[in-house]
Amino acid sequence: MMPRNAPPLPRIAVIAGGGTLTALALDPFEICDYGQAGSLDAQALIARCGPMQTRFALHPVPFTPLPSFDMGPPQWQEIRRLCTAMLQAVPDLSGFVLTHGTGSLEETAFFLSCTWDLPVPLVLTGAQRPASALGSDGYMNFFQAACVAACPEAGAHGVLVVTHGEIHLPAEVTKTLNFGLDTFRAPVLGPVGLVTGETVRFHRAPAAARRIWRVPADPSALPRVDIVLCHTGGDAVAIEAFLAAGARGIVVAGFAPGYATGVQARRLERWIKEEGGLVVIASRAQGMVMPNSRNDGHGFLPAGLLSPQKARIMLQLALACGMKPPQIADVFR
């Protein structure tokens, strides 16, 4: 029971998006093959974390969970819609927590960070071990994500990713290990803050201004953008298939620090010159992709710090907004 005159608990809305954090296995030592025993919805997850309810007023939000490899624009738009409706229904919400499979968590977080216009934070978290496992990391990640969602400083950052006691920006964080608990890292700039126990500390100020992308409510209206993965001996077969399928843009996951094979580069250059195609050059490695004379000559736009998968989302958003190549180049810059 709360002491008399105690301050009200922070209100946190919880969306269970699926993934390892809510998955159940039959064996408590199973951490590689799970889900056969079902999964937890938001209400069941909250019930398993009973002591959290002495610190937060947790509100489950109905959502149909999916494995991370099946999450995409329709689900991203639905999450935005649910959050907007929930904040209208409960205007004193402190923030949202979205649990998500770790495979594509960074892509969901990045899209939502680009389109998030609510005044409270959305914090994504996941787990490397299922909810049924002894020593599951999911419960602590969920708790610390709620701590961040309740933190007044978090709102200025918009959307954040919290795992393993670290707070990350969606544009910078990536999954680096298949099974390690510290899989989410920002290799170039590091986390923007830390959660120690339940103490939240930010050590980077939020951006002075965040671009909020206005996108069509219909997720199918996002233009098709494909990724070409470069490897030794790579030819233009995949490029031809993408163009035949109606690609409006192509992102090249290039050799470090951002190159395609000669065959690929020449085909893409021809597409740009003859049909007005848009090509962004990213890298298979981490770090900045810089402009250079070779790629400039082909007409490729450098992805900057964005990974190929995030550059793809950014290019989709830019094309959906009707941007021209010079404007798109400024966005990636």
C-alpha atoms as a PDB file:
ATOM      1  CA  MET A   1       0.000   0.000   0.000  1.00  0.00           C
ATOM      2  CA  MET A   2       1.295   3.467  -0.860  1.00  0.00           C
ATOM      3  CA  PRO A   3       1.986   5.797   2.080  1.00  0.00           C
ATOM      4  CA  ARG A   4      -0.566   8.533   2.589  1.00  0.00           C
ATOM      5  CA  ASN A   5       0.269  11.685   0.571  1.00  0.00           C
ATOM      6  CA  ALA A   6       2.827   9.751  -1.504  1.00  0.00           C
ATOM      7  CA  PRO A   7       3.312  11.177  -5.009  1.00  0.00           C
ATOM      8  CA  PRO A   8       1.421   9.346  -7.749  1.00  0.00           C
ATOM      9  CA  LEU A   9       3.284   6.575  -9.499  1.00  0.00           C
ATOM     10  CA  PRO A  10       4.562   7.331 -13.014  1.00  0.00           C
ATOM     11  CA  ARG A  11       2.144   5.950 -15.599  1.00  0.00           C
ATOM     12  CA  ILE A  12       3.845   3.773 -18.215  1.00  0.00           C
ATOM     13  CA  ALA A  13       2.032   2.207 -21.171  1.00  0.00           C
ATOM     14  CA  VAL A  14       3.384  -1.207 -22.158  1.00  0.00           C
ATOM     15  CA  ILE A  15       3.219  -2.722 -25.646  1.00  0.00           C
ATOM     16  CA  ALA A  16       4.404  -6.321 -25.992  1.00  0.00           C
ATOM     17  CA  GLY A  17       5.643  -6.509 -29.562  1.00  0.00           C
ATOM     18  CA  GLY A  18       6.865 -10.089 -29.379  1.00  0.00           C
ATOM     19  CA  GLY A  19      10.363 -11.527 -29.560  1.00  0.00           C
ATOM     20  CA  THR A  20      12.612 -13.288 -27.089  1.00  0.00           C
ATOM     21  CA  LEU A  21      11.704 -11.138 -24.087  1.00  0.00           C
ATOM     22  CA  THR A  22       8.181 -12.554 -24.022  1.00  0.00           C
ATOM     23  CA  ALA A  23       8.886 -16.038 -25.467  1.00  0.00           C
ATOM     24  CA  LEU A  24       8.551 -19.238 -23.450  1.00  0.00           C
ATOM     25  CA  ALA A  25      10.427 -22.534 -23.760  1.00  0.00           C
ATOM     26  CA  LEU A  26       9.705 -25.868 -22.085  1.00  0.00           C
ATOM     27  CA  ASP A  27      13.198 -26.093 -20.592  1.00  0.00           C
ATOM     28  CA  PRO A  28      14.447 -23.365 -18.189  1.00  0.00           C
ATOM     29  CA  PHE A  29      17.991 -23.864 -19.544  1.00  0.00           C
ATOM     30  CA  GLU A  30      16.950 -23.444 -23.186  1.00  0.00           C
ATOM     31  CA  ILE A  31      18.167 -20.116 -24.622  1.00  0.00           C
ATOM     32  CA  CYS A  32      18.550 -20.972 -28.326  1.00  0.00           C
ATOM     33  CA  ASP A  33      15.285 -22.660 -29.366  1.00  0.00           C
ATOM     34  CA  TYR A  34      12.100 -21.329 -27.783  1.00  0.00           C
ATOM     35  CA  GLY A  35       8.561 -20.139 -28.382  1.00  0.00           C
ATOM     36  CA  GLN A  36       7.016 -23.610 -28.514  1.00  0.00           C
ATOM     37  CA  ALA A  37       5.453 -22.990 -25.090  1.00  0.00           C
ATOM     38  CA  GLY A  38       3.857 -19.726 -26.177  1.00  0.00           C
ATOM     39  CA  SER A  39       4.599 -16.143 -25.236  1.00  0.00           C
ATOM     40  CA  LEU A  40       3.550 -13.462 -22.786  1.00  0.00           C
ATOM     41  CA  ASP A  41       1.229 -10.633 -23.690  1.00  0.00           C
ATOM     42  CA  ALA A  42       1.631  -7.252 -22.006  1.00  0.00           C
ATOM     43  CA  GLN A  43      -0.715  -8.151 -19.145  1.00  0.00           C
ATOM     44  CA  ALA A  44       1.111 -11.413 -18.411  1.00  0.00           C
ATOM     45  CA  LEU A  45       4.502  -9.713 -18.586  1.00  0.00           C
ATOM     46  CA  ILE A  46       3.361  -7.092 -16.087  1.00  0.00           C
ATOM     47  CA  ALA A  47       2.024  -9.834 -13.803  1.00  0.00           C
ATOM     48  CA  ARG A  48       5.407 -11.606 -13.856  1.00  0.00           C
ATOM     49  CA  CYS A  49       7.088  -8.367 -12.828  1.00  0.00           C
ATOM     50  CA  GLY A  50       4.780  -7.760  -9.850  1.00  0.00           C
ATOM     51  CA  PRO A  51       7.246  -5.690  -7.760  1.00  0.00           C
ATOM     52  CA  MET A  52       7.437  -3.131 -10.578  1.00  0.00           C
ATOM     53  CA  GLN A  53       3.894  -2.132  -9.722  1.00  0.00           C
ATOM     54  CA  THR A  54       5.099  -0.540  -6.505  1.00  0.00           C
ATOM     55  CA  ARG A  55       7.137   1.851  -8.667  1.00  0.00           C
ATOM     56  CA  PHE A  56       4.991   2.356 -11.771  1.00  0.00           C
ATOM     57  CA  ALA A  57       1.359   2.320 -12.803  1.00  0.00           C
ATOM     58  CA  LEU A  58       1.644   0.001 -15.794  1.00  0.00           C
ATOM     59  CA  HIS A  59      -1.007   0.102 -18.532  1.00  0.00           C
ATOM     60  CA  PRO A  60      -1.022  -2.802 -21.018  1.00  0.00           C
ATOM     61  CA  VAL A  61      -1.792  -1.809 -24.613  1.00  0.00           C
ATOM     62  CA  PRO A  62      -3.356  -4.527 -26.823  1.00  0.00           C
ATOM     63  CA  PHE A  63      -1.160  -5.364 -29.808  1.00  0.00           C
ATOM     64  CA  THR A  64      -0.716  -8.451 -31.958  1.00  0.00           C
ATOM     65  CA  PRO A  65       2.909  -9.520 -31.396  1.00  0.00           C
ATOM     66  CA  LEU A  66       5.145 -10.773 -34.189  1.00  0.00           C
ATOM     67  CA  PRO A  67       8.682 -12.113 -34.386  1.00  0.00           C
ATOM     68  CA  SER A  68      11.116  -9.372 -35.276  1.00  0.00           C
ATOM     69  CA  PHE A  69      11.691 -10.702 -38.787  1.00  0.00           C
ATOM     70  CA  ASP A  70       8.011 -10.094 -39.592  1.00  0.00           C
ATOM     71  CA  MET A  71       7.803  -6.584 -38.140  1.00  0.00           C
ATOM     72  CA  GLY A  72       7.664  -3.791 -40.694  1.00  0.00           C
ATOM     73  CA  PRO A  73       5.866  -0.617 -41.812  1.00  0.00           C
ATOM     74  CA  PRO A  74       2.309  -1.842 -41.091  1.00  0.00           C
ATOM     75  CA  GLN A  75       3.247  -2.684 -37.497  1.00  0.00           C
ATOM     76  CA  TRP A  76       5.297   0.510 -37.097  1.00  0.00           C
ATOM     77  CA  GLN A  77       2.339   2.606 -38.173  1.00  0.00           C
ATOM     78  CA  GLU A  78       0.027   0.648 -35.872  1.00  0.00           C
ATOM     79  CA  ILE A  79       2.354   1.284 -32.920  1.00  0.00           C
ATOM     80  CA  ARG A  80       2.330   5.009 -33.663  1.00  0.00           C
ATOM     81  CA  ARG A  81      -1.458   4.970 -33.873  1.00  0.00           C
ATOM     82  CA  LEU A  82      -1.825   3.030 -30.602  1.00  0.00           C
ATOM     83  CA  CYS A  83       0.527   5.358 -28.752  1.00  0.00           C
ATOM     84  CA  THR A  84      -1.284   8.456 -29.976  1.00  0.00           C
ATOM     85  CA  ALA A  85      -4.647   7.019 -28.918  1.00  0.00           C
ATOM     86  CA  MET A  86      -3.291   5.898 -25.546  1.00  0.00           C
ATOM     87  CA  LEU A  87      -1.860   9.315 -24.753  1.00  0.00           C
ATOM     88  CA  GLN A  88      -5.193  10.898 -25.613  1.00  0.00           C
ATOM     89  CA  ALA A  89      -6.970   8.454 -23.298  1.00  0.00           C
ATOM     90  CA  VAL A  90      -4.396   8.790 -20.476  1.00  0.00           C
ATOM     91  CA  PRO A  91      -2.924  12.294 -20.872  1.00  0.00           C
ATOM     92  CA  ASP A  92      -0.758  12.044 -17.753  1.00  0.00           C
ATOM     93  CA  LEU A  93       1.300   9.153 -19.163  1.00  0.00           C
ATOM     94  CA  SER A  94       5.014   9.516 -18.479  1.00  0.00           C
ATOM     95  CA  GLY A  95       6.022   7.347 -21.436  1.00  0.00           C
ATOM     96  CA  PHE A  96       5.801   4.081 -23.352  1.00  0.00           C
ATOM     97  CA  VAL A  97       7.780   0.833 -23.270  1.00  0.00           C
ATOM     98  CA  LEU A  98       7.754  -1.387 -26.351  1.00  0.00           C
ATOM     99  CA  THR A  99       9.197  -4.883 -26.048  1.00  0.00           C
ATOM    100  CA  HIS A 100      10.514  -6.156 -29.372  1.00  0.00           C
ATOM    101  CA  GLY A 101      12.464  -9.000 -30.906  1.00  0.00           C
ATOM    102  CA  THR A 102      16.116  -8.032 -31.105  1.00  0.00           C
ATOM    103  CA  GLY A 103      16.663  -9.052 -34.726  1.00  0.00           C
ATOM    104  CA  SER A 104      15.046  -5.939 -36.197  1.00  0.00           C
ATOM    105  CA  LEU A 105      14.645  -3.832 -33.041  1.00  0.00           C
ATOM    106  CA  GLU A 106      17.033  -1.173 -34.321  1.00  0.00           C
ATOM    107  CA  GLU A 107      15.037  -0.728 -37.539  1.00  0.00           C
ATOM    108  CA  THR A 108      11.721  -0.342 -35.726  1.00  0.00           C
ATOM    109  CA  ALA A 109      13.342   2.067 -33.288  1.00  0.00           C
ATOM    110  CA  PHE A 110      14.878   4.091 -36.108  1.00  0.00           C
ATOM    111  CA  PHE A 111      11.643   4.446 -38.082  1.00  0.00           C
ATOM    112  CA  LEU A 112       9.718   5.402 -34.953  1.00  0.00           C
ATOM    113  CA  SER A 113      12.412   7.899 -33.938  1.00  0.00           C
ATOM    114  CA  CYS A 114      12.081   9.587 -37.338  1.00  0.00           C
ATOM    115  CA  THR A 115       8.289   9.902 -37.049  1.00  0.00           C
ATOM    116  CA  TRP A 116       7.758  10.297 -33.282  1.00  0.00           C
ATOM    117  CA  ASP A 117       5.919  13.535 -32.503  1.00  0.00           C
ATOM    118  CA  LEU A 118       4.511  12.780 -29.047  1.00  0.00           C
ATOM    119  CA  PRO A 119       5.763  14.763 -26.016  1.00  0.00           C
ATOM    120  CA  VAL A 120       6.657  11.663 -23.992  1.00  0.00           C
ATOM    121  CA  PRO A 121       9.366   9.061 -24.686  1.00  0.00           C
ATOM    122  CA  LEU A 122       9.039   5.681 -26.312  1.00  0.00           C
ATOM    123  CA  VAL A 123      11.618   3.184 -25.029  1.00  0.00           C
ATOM    124  CA  LEU A 124      12.279  -0.064 -26.898  1.00  0.00           C
ATOM    125  CA  THR A 125      13.826  -3.053 -25.208  1.00  0.00           C
ATOM    126  CA  GLY A 126      14.367  -6.734 -25.876  1.00  0.00           C
ATOM    127  CA  ALA A 127      16.164  -9.771 -24.508  1.00  0.00           C
ATOM    128  CA  GLN A 128      18.714 -12.358 -25.500  1.00  0.00           C
ATOM    129  CA  ARG A 129      17.226 -15.053 -23.274  1.00  0.00           C
ATOM    130  CA  PRO A 130      13.541 -16.039 -23.233  1.00  0.00           C
ATOM    131  CA  ALA A 131      11.183 -15.240 -20.388  1.00  0.00           C
ATOM    132  CA  SER A 132      11.244 -18.901 -19.303  1.00  0.00           C
ATOM    133  CA  ALA A 133      15.044 -19.080 -18.918  1.00  0.00           C
ATOM    134  CA  LEU A 134      16.856 -19.037 -15.622  1.00  0.00           C
ATOM    135  CA  GLY A 135      18.824 -15.815 -15.621  1.00  0.00           C
ATOM    136  CA  SER A 136      16.718 -14.189 -18.339  1.00  0.00           C
ATOM    137  CA  ASP A 137      17.877 -10.646 -19.039  1.00  0.00           C
ATOM    138  CA  GLY A 138      14.412  -9.618 -20.190  1.00  0.00           C
ATOM    139  CA  TYR A 139      12.897  -8.722 -16.837  1.00  0.00           C
ATOM    140  CA  MET A 140      15.698  -6.321 -15.864  1.00  0.00           C
ATOM    141  CA  ASN A 141      15.706  -4.816 -19.350  1.00  0.00           C
ATOM    142  CA  PHE A 142      11.950  -4.281 -19.083  1.00  0.00           C
ATOM    143  CA  PHE A 143      12.301  -2.701 -15.646  1.00  0.00           C
ATOM    144  CA  GLN A 144      15.120  -0.380 -16.700  1.00  0.00           C
ATOM    145  CA  ALA A 145      13.260   0.606 -19.868  1.00  0.00           C
ATOM    146  CA  ALA A 146      10.345   1.645 -17.627  1.00  0.00           C
ATOM    147  CA  CYS A 147      12.762   3.657 -15.455  1.00  0.00           C
ATOM    148  CA  VAL A 148      13.914   5.538 -18.559  1.00  0.00           C
ATOM    149  CA  ALA A 149      10.351   6.024 -19.821  1.00  0.00           C
ATOM    150  CA  ALA A 150       9.495   7.601 -16.466  1.00  0.00           C
ATOM    151  CA  CYS A 151      12.519   9.905 -16.515  1.00  0.00           C
ATOM    152  CA  PRO A 152      11.591  13.520 -17.381  1.00  0.00           C
ATOM    153  CA  GLU A 153      14.845  13.983 -19.314  1.00  0.00           C
ATOM    154  CA  ALA A 154      13.982  11.149 -21.716  1.00  0.00           C
ATOM    155  CA  GLY A 155      11.161  12.992 -23.437  1.00  0.00           C
ATOM    156  CA  ALA A 156      13.503  15.360 -25.272  1.00  0.00           C
ATOM    157  CA  HIS A 157      15.225  12.366 -26.913  1.00  0.00           C
ATOM    158  CA  GLY A 158      11.950  10.999 -28.324  1.00  0.00           C
ATOM    159  CA  VAL A 159      12.661   7.315 -28.957  1.00  0.00           C
ATOM    160  CA  LEU A 160      15.373   5.374 -27.133  1.00  0.00           C
ATOM    161  CA  VAL A 161      16.693   1.820 -26.891  1.00  0.00           C
ATOM    162  CA  VAL A 162      17.513   0.417 -23.447  1.00  0.00           C
ATOM    163  CA  THR A 163      19.239  -2.916 -22.817  1.00  0.00           C
ATOM    164  CA  HIS A 164      21.938  -4.191 -20.480  1.00  0.00           C
ATOM    165  CA  GLY A 165      21.904  -0.968 -18.472  1.00  0.00           C
ATOM    166  CA  GLU A 166      22.681   1.242 -21.485  1.00  0.00           C
ATOM    167  CA  ILE A 167      20.569   3.919 -23.187  1.00  0.00           C
ATOM    168  CA  HIS A 168      21.087   4.303 -26.924  1.00  0.00           C
ATOM    169  CA  LEU A 169      19.862   6.462 -29.776  1.00  0.00           C
ATOM    170  CA  PRO A 170      18.163   4.427 -32.527  1.00  0.00           C
ATOM    171  CA  ALA A 171      20.313   5.964 -35.286  1.00  0.00           C
ATOM    172  CA  GLU A 172      23.516   4.820 -33.573  1.00  0.00           C
ATOM    173  CA  VAL A 173      22.769   1.455 -31.970  1.00  0.00           C
ATOM    174  CA  THR A 174      23.102  -1.940 -33.614  1.00  0.00           C
ATOM    175  CA  LYS A 175      22.917  -5.585 -32.621  1.00  0.00           C
ATOM    176  CA  THR A 176      26.460  -6.975 -32.657  1.00  0.00           C
ATOM    177  CA  LEU A 177      26.212 -10.487 -31.161  1.00  0.00           C
ATOM    178  CA  ASN A 178      23.775 -13.327 -31.733  1.00  0.00           C
ATOM    179  CA  PHE A 179      23.663 -14.416 -28.082  1.00  0.00           C
ATOM    180  CA  GLY A 180      25.701 -12.013 -25.921  1.00  0.00           C
ATOM    181  CA  LEU A 181      23.750 -10.031 -23.336  1.00  0.00           C
ATOM    182  CA  ASP A 182      25.633  -6.852 -24.287  1.00  0.00           C
ATOM    183  CA  THR A 183      24.693  -7.242 -27.940  1.00  0.00           C
ATOM    184  CA  PHE A 184      23.341  -3.711 -28.458  1.00  0.00           C
ATOM    185  CA  ARG A 185      26.156  -1.230 -28.898  1.00  0.00           C
ATOM    186  CA  ALA A 186      26.820   2.100 -30.545  1.00  0.00           C
ATOM    187  CA  PRO A 187      30.337   1.405 -31.841  1.00  0.00           C
ATOM    188  CA  VAL A 188      31.147   4.952 -32.917  1.00  0.00           C
ATOM    189  CA  LEU A 189      29.666   7.240 -30.257  1.00  0.00           C
ATOM    190  CA  GLY A 190      28.639   4.933 -27.414  1.00  0.00           C
ATOM    191  CA  PRO A 191      25.495   5.131 -25.263  1.00  0.00           C
ATOM    192  CA  VAL A 192      23.790   8.425 -24.443  1.00  0.00           C
ATOM    193  CA  GLY A 193      23.177   7.327 -20.865  1.00  0.00           C
ATOM    194  CA  LEU A 194      23.263   4.535 -18.330  1.00  0.00           C
ATOM    195  CA  VAL A 195      20.776   2.872 -16.001  1.00  0.00           C
ATOM    196  CA  THR A 196      22.407   1.659 -12.794  1.00  0.00           C
ATOM    197  CA  GLY A 197      19.853  -0.292 -10.813  1.00  0.00           C
ATOM    198  CA  GLU A 198      16.959   2.110 -11.256  1.00  0.00           C
ATOM    199  CA  THR A 199      19.000   5.320 -11.440  1.00  0.00           C
ATOM    200  CA  VAL A 200      18.902   6.934 -14.888  1.00  0.00           C
ATOM    201  CA  ARG A 201      21.712   9.248 -15.972  1.00  0.00           C
ATOM    202  CA  PHE A 202      22.095  10.864 -19.389  1.00  0.00           C
ATOM    203  CA  HIS A 203      25.569  12.037 -20.335  1.00  0.00           C
ATOM    204  CA  ARG A 204      24.707  13.485 -23.732  1.00  0.00           C
ATOM    205  CA  ALA A 205      22.267  16.306 -24.308  1.00  0.00           C
ATOM    206  CA  PRO A 206      19.406  15.722 -26.741  1.00  0.00           C
ATOM    207  CA  ALA A 207      19.667  17.162 -30.233  1.00  0.00           C
ATOM    208  CA  ALA A 208      18.686  20.816 -30.407  1.00  0.00           C
ATOM    209  CA  ALA A 209      16.027  19.943 -32.985  1.00  0.00           C
ATOM    210  CA  ARG A 210      14.742  16.619 -34.281  1.00  0.00           C
ATOM    211  CA  ARG A 211      13.368  16.239 -37.800  1.00  0.00           C
ATOM    212  CA  ILE A 212       9.881  14.754 -37.621  1.00  0.00           C
ATOM    213  CA  TRP A 213       9.010  13.020 -40.874  1.00  0.00           C
ATOM    214  CA  ARG A 214       5.393  13.178 -42.000  1.00  0.00           C
ATOM    215  CA  VAL A 215       4.649   9.925 -43.760  1.00  0.00           C
ATOM    216  CA  PRO A 216       1.502   8.522 -45.388  1.00  0.00           C
ATOM    217  CA  ALA A 217      -0.818   6.710 -43.006  1.00  0.00           C
ATOM    218  CA  ASP A 218      -0.891   3.820 -45.483  1.00  0.00           C
ATOM    219  CA  PRO A 219       2.385   1.911 -44.988  1.00  0.00           C
ATOM    220  CA  SER A 220       2.178   0.531 -48.522  1.00  0.00           C
ATOM    221  CA  ALA A 221       2.753   4.093 -49.761  1.00  0.00           C
ATOM    222  CA  LEU A 222       6.398   3.939 -48.675  1.00  0.00           C
ATOM    223  CA  PRO A 223       8.457   3.619 -51.865  1.00  0.00           C
ATOM    224  CA  ARG A 224      10.313   0.392 -52.540  1.00  0.00           C
ATOM    225  CA  VAL A 225      14.000   0.626 -51.609  1.00  0.00           C
ATOM    226  CA  ASP A 226      16.275  -2.436 -51.749  1.00  0.00           C
ATOM    227  CA  ILE A 227      19.710  -3.252 -50.357  1.00  0.00           C
ATOM    228  CA  VAL A 228      22.508  -4.697 -52.476  1.00  0.00           C
ATOM    229  CA  LEU A 229      25.023  -6.616 -50.343  1.00  0.00           C
ATOM    230  CA  CYS A 230      28.481  -6.389 -51.865  1.00  0.00           C
ATOM    231  CA  HIS A 231      30.868  -9.353 -51.903  1.00  0.00           C
ATOM    232  CA  THR A 232      33.855 -10.345 -53.987  1.00  0.00           C
ATOM    233  CA  GLY A 233      32.804 -11.192 -57.514  1.00  0.00           C
ATOM    234  CA  GLY A 234      29.488  -9.419 -57.093  1.00  0.00           C
ATOM    235  CA  ASP A 235      27.598  -8.781 -60.332  1.00  0.00           C
ATOM    236  CA  ALA A 236      24.432  -6.888 -61.282  1.00  0.00           C
ATOM    237  CA  VAL A 237      21.947  -9.775 -61.162  1.00  0.00           C
ATOM    238  CA  ALA A 238      20.338  -8.660 -57.891  1.00  0.00           C
ATOM    239  CA  ILE A 239      20.315  -5.047 -59.086  1.00  0.00           C
ATOM    240  CA  GLU A 240      18.419  -6.024 -62.238  1.00  0.00           C
ATOM    241  CA  ALA A 241      15.879  -7.926 -60.151  1.00  0.00           C
ATOM    242  CA  PHE A 242      15.334  -4.972 -57.835  1.00  0.00           C
ATOM    243  CA  LEU A 243      14.874  -2.580 -60.741  1.00  0.00           C
ATOM    244  CA  ALA A 244      12.437  -4.980 -62.418  1.00  0.00           C
ATOM    245  CA  ALA A 245      10.462  -5.112 -59.156  1.00  0.00           C
ATOM    246  CA  GLY A 246      10.056  -1.334 -59.213  1.00  0.00           C
ATOM    247  CA  ALA A 247      12.739  -0.101 -56.813  1.00  0.00           C
ATOM    248  CA  ARG A 248      12.720   3.684 -56.420  1.00  0.00           C
ATOM    249  CA  GLY A 249      16.014   3.630 -54.585  1.00  0.00           C
ATOM    250  CA  ILE A 250      18.877   1.265 -53.828  1.00  0.00           C
ATOM    251  CA  VAL A 251      21.200   1.203 -50.839  1.00  0.00           C
ATOM    252  CA  VAL A 252      24.566  -0.432 -51.358  1.00  0.00           C
ATOM    253  CA  ALA A 253      25.975  -2.323 -48.357  1.00  0.00           C
ATOM    254  CA  GLY A 254      29.453  -1.846 -49.716  1.00  0.00           C
ATOM    255  CA  PHE A 255      32.994  -2.898 -49.019  1.00  0.00           C
ATOM    256  CA  ALA A 256      34.475  -0.738 -46.268  1.00  0.00           C
ATOM    257  CA  PRO A 257      34.572   2.227 -46.231  1.00  0.00           C
ATOM    258  CA  GLY A 258      31.830   2.240 -48.901  1.00  0.00           C
ATOM    259  CA  TYR A 259      32.443   0.767 -52.362  1.00  0.00           C
ATOM    260  CA  ALA A 260      30.603  -1.479 -54.819  1.00  0.00           C
ATOM    261  CA  THR A 261      32.273  -3.752 -57.351  1.00  0.00           C
ATOM    262  CA  GLY A 262      33.021  -2.159 -60.711  1.00  0.00           C
ATOM    263  CA  VAL A 263      30.232  -4.114 -62.418  1.00  0.00           C
ATOM    264  CA  GLN A 264      27.675  -3.055 -59.808  1.00  0.00           C
ATOM    265  CA  ALA A 265      28.818   0.563 -59.768  1.00  0.00           C
ATOM    266  CA  ARG A 266      28.592   0.930 -63.538  1.00  0.00           C
ATOM    267  CA  ARG A 267      25.077  -0.561 -63.672  1.00  0.00           C
ATOM    268  CA  LEU A 268      23.859   1.684 -60.888  1.00  0.00           C
ATOM    269  CA  GLU A 269      25.467   4.745 -62.483  1.00  0.00           C
ATOM    270  CA  ARG A 270      23.606   3.988 -65.718  1.00  0.00           C
ATOM    271  CA  TRP A 271      20.321   3.670 -63.788  1.00  0.00           C
ATOM    272  CA  ILE A 272      20.917   7.054 -62.171  1.00  0.00           C
ATOM    273  CA  LYS A 273      21.756   8.796 -65.457  1.00  0.00           C
ATOM    274  CA  GLU A 274      19.112   7.177 -67.640  1.00  0.00           C
ATOM    275  CA  GLU A 275      16.171   6.747 -65.276  1.00  0.00           C
ATOM    276  CA  GLY A 276      16.815   9.125 -62.384  1.00  0.00           C
ATOM    277  CA  GLY A 277      17.488   6.355 -59.862  1.00  0.00           C
ATOM    278  CA  LEU A 278      18.699   7.123 -56.368  1.00  0.00           C
ATOM    279  CA  VAL A 279      21.621   5.216 -54.872  1.00  0.00           C
ATOM    280  CA  VAL A 280      22.988   5.574 -51.344  1.00  0.00           C
ATOM    281  CA  ILE A 281      26.348   3.989 -50.578  1.00  0.00           C
ATOM    282  CA  ALA A 282      26.716   2.530 -47.087  1.00  0.00           C
ATOM    283  CA  SER A 283      29.200   0.042 -45.663  1.00  0.00           C
ATOM    284  CA  ARG A 284      29.241  -3.489 -44.298  1.00  0.00           C
ATOM    285  CA  ALA A 285      31.562  -2.154 -41.572  1.00  0.00           C
ATOM    286  CA  GLN A 286      30.922   0.379 -38.821  1.00  0.00           C
ATOM    287  CA  GLY A 287      31.732   4.065 -39.047  1.00  0.00           C
ATOM    288  CA  MET A 288      31.291   7.064 -41.308  1.00  0.00           C
ATOM    289  CA  VAL A 289      30.894   6.679 -45.057  1.00  0.00           C
ATOM    290  CA  MET A 290      32.491   9.793 -46.532  1.00  0.00           C
ATOM    291  CA  PRO A 291      32.134  11.390 -49.976  1.00  0.00           C
ATOM    292  CA  ASN A 292      34.920  10.532 -52.402  1.00  0.00           C
ATOM    293  CA  SER A 293      35.644  11.140 -56.063  1.00  0.00           C
ATOM    294  CA  ARG A 294      34.861   7.570 -57.167  1.00  0.00           C
ATOM    295  CA  ASN A 295      31.393   7.448 -55.639  1.00  0.00           C
ATOM    296  CA  ASP A 296      30.686  11.084 -56.502  1.00  0.00           C
ATOM    297  CA  GLY A 297      31.492  10.236 -60.117  1.00  0.00           C
ATOM    298  CA  HIS A 298      28.937   7.442 -60.087  1.00  0.00           C
ATOM    299  CA  GLY A 299      26.316   9.722 -58.536  1.00  0.00           C
ATOM    300  CA  PHE A 300      26.127   7.818 -55.235  1.00  0.00           C
ATOM    301  CA  LEU A 301      25.072   9.602 -52.030  1.00  0.00           C
ATOM    302  CA  PRO A 302      27.105   8.666 -48.922  1.00  0.00           C
ATOM    303  CA  ALA A 303      25.104   7.232 -45.994  1.00  0.00           C
ATOM    304  CA  GLY A 304      27.130   8.984 -43.295  1.00  0.00           C
ATOM    305  CA  LEU A 305      26.864   7.087 -40.019  1.00  0.00           C
ATOM    306  CA  LEU A 306      23.751   5.118 -40.955  1.00  0.00           C
ATOM    307  CA  SER A 307      23.921   1.356 -41.421  1.00  0.00           C
ATOM    308  CA  PRO A 308      22.557  -0.024 -44.716  1.00  0.00           C
ATOM    309  CA  GLN A 309      19.253  -1.033 -43.116  1.00  0.00           C
ATOM    310  CA  LYS A 310      18.731   2.396 -41.553  1.00  0.00           C
ATOM    311  CA  ALA A 311      19.849   4.188 -44.709  1.00  0.00           C
ATOM    312  CA  ARG A 312      17.130   2.219 -46.504  1.00  0.00           C
ATOM    313  CA  ILE A 313      14.463   3.523 -44.122  1.00  0.00           C
ATOM    314  CA  MET A 314      15.775   7.085 -44.393  1.00  0.00           C
ATOM    315  CA  LEU A 315      15.715   6.905 -48.191  1.00  0.00           C
ATOM    316  CA  GLN A 316      12.146   5.567 -48.104  1.00  0.00           C
ATOM    317  CA  LEU A 317      11.055   8.473 -45.900  1.00  0.00           C
ATOM    318  CA  ALA A 318      12.803  11.033 -48.092  1.00  0.00           C
ATOM    319  CA  LEU A 319      11.261   9.619 -51.269  1.00  0.00           C
ATOM    320  CA  ALA A 320       7.819   9.466 -49.654  1.00  0.00           C
ATOM    321  CA  CYS A 321       8.142  13.176 -48.892  1.00  0.00           C
ATOM    322  CA  GLY A 322       9.007  13.956 -52.512  1.00  0.00           C
ATOM    323  CA  MET A 323      12.589  15.046 -51.877  1.00  0.00           C
ATOM    324  CA  LYS A 324      15.026  15.534 -54.759  1.00  0.00           C
ATOM    325  CA  PRO A 325      18.612  14.169 -54.756  1.00  0.00           C
ATOM    326  CA  PRO A 326      20.267  17.390 -53.431  1.00  0.00           C
ATOM    327  CA  GLN A 327      17.803  17.500 -50.526  1.00  0.00           C
ATOM    328  CA  ILE A 328      18.302  13.790 -49.827  1.00  0.00           C
ATOM    329  CA  ALA A 329      22.073  14.313 -49.821  1.00  0.00           C
ATOM    330  CA  ASP A 330      21.611  17.002 -47.160  1.00  0.00           C
ATOM    331  CA  VAL A 331      19.515  14.625 -45.048  1.00  0.00           C
ATOM    332  CA  PHE A 332      22.246  11.968 -45.024  1.00  0.00           C
ATOM    333  CA  ARG A 333      24.860  14.607 -44.355  1.00  0.00           C
END
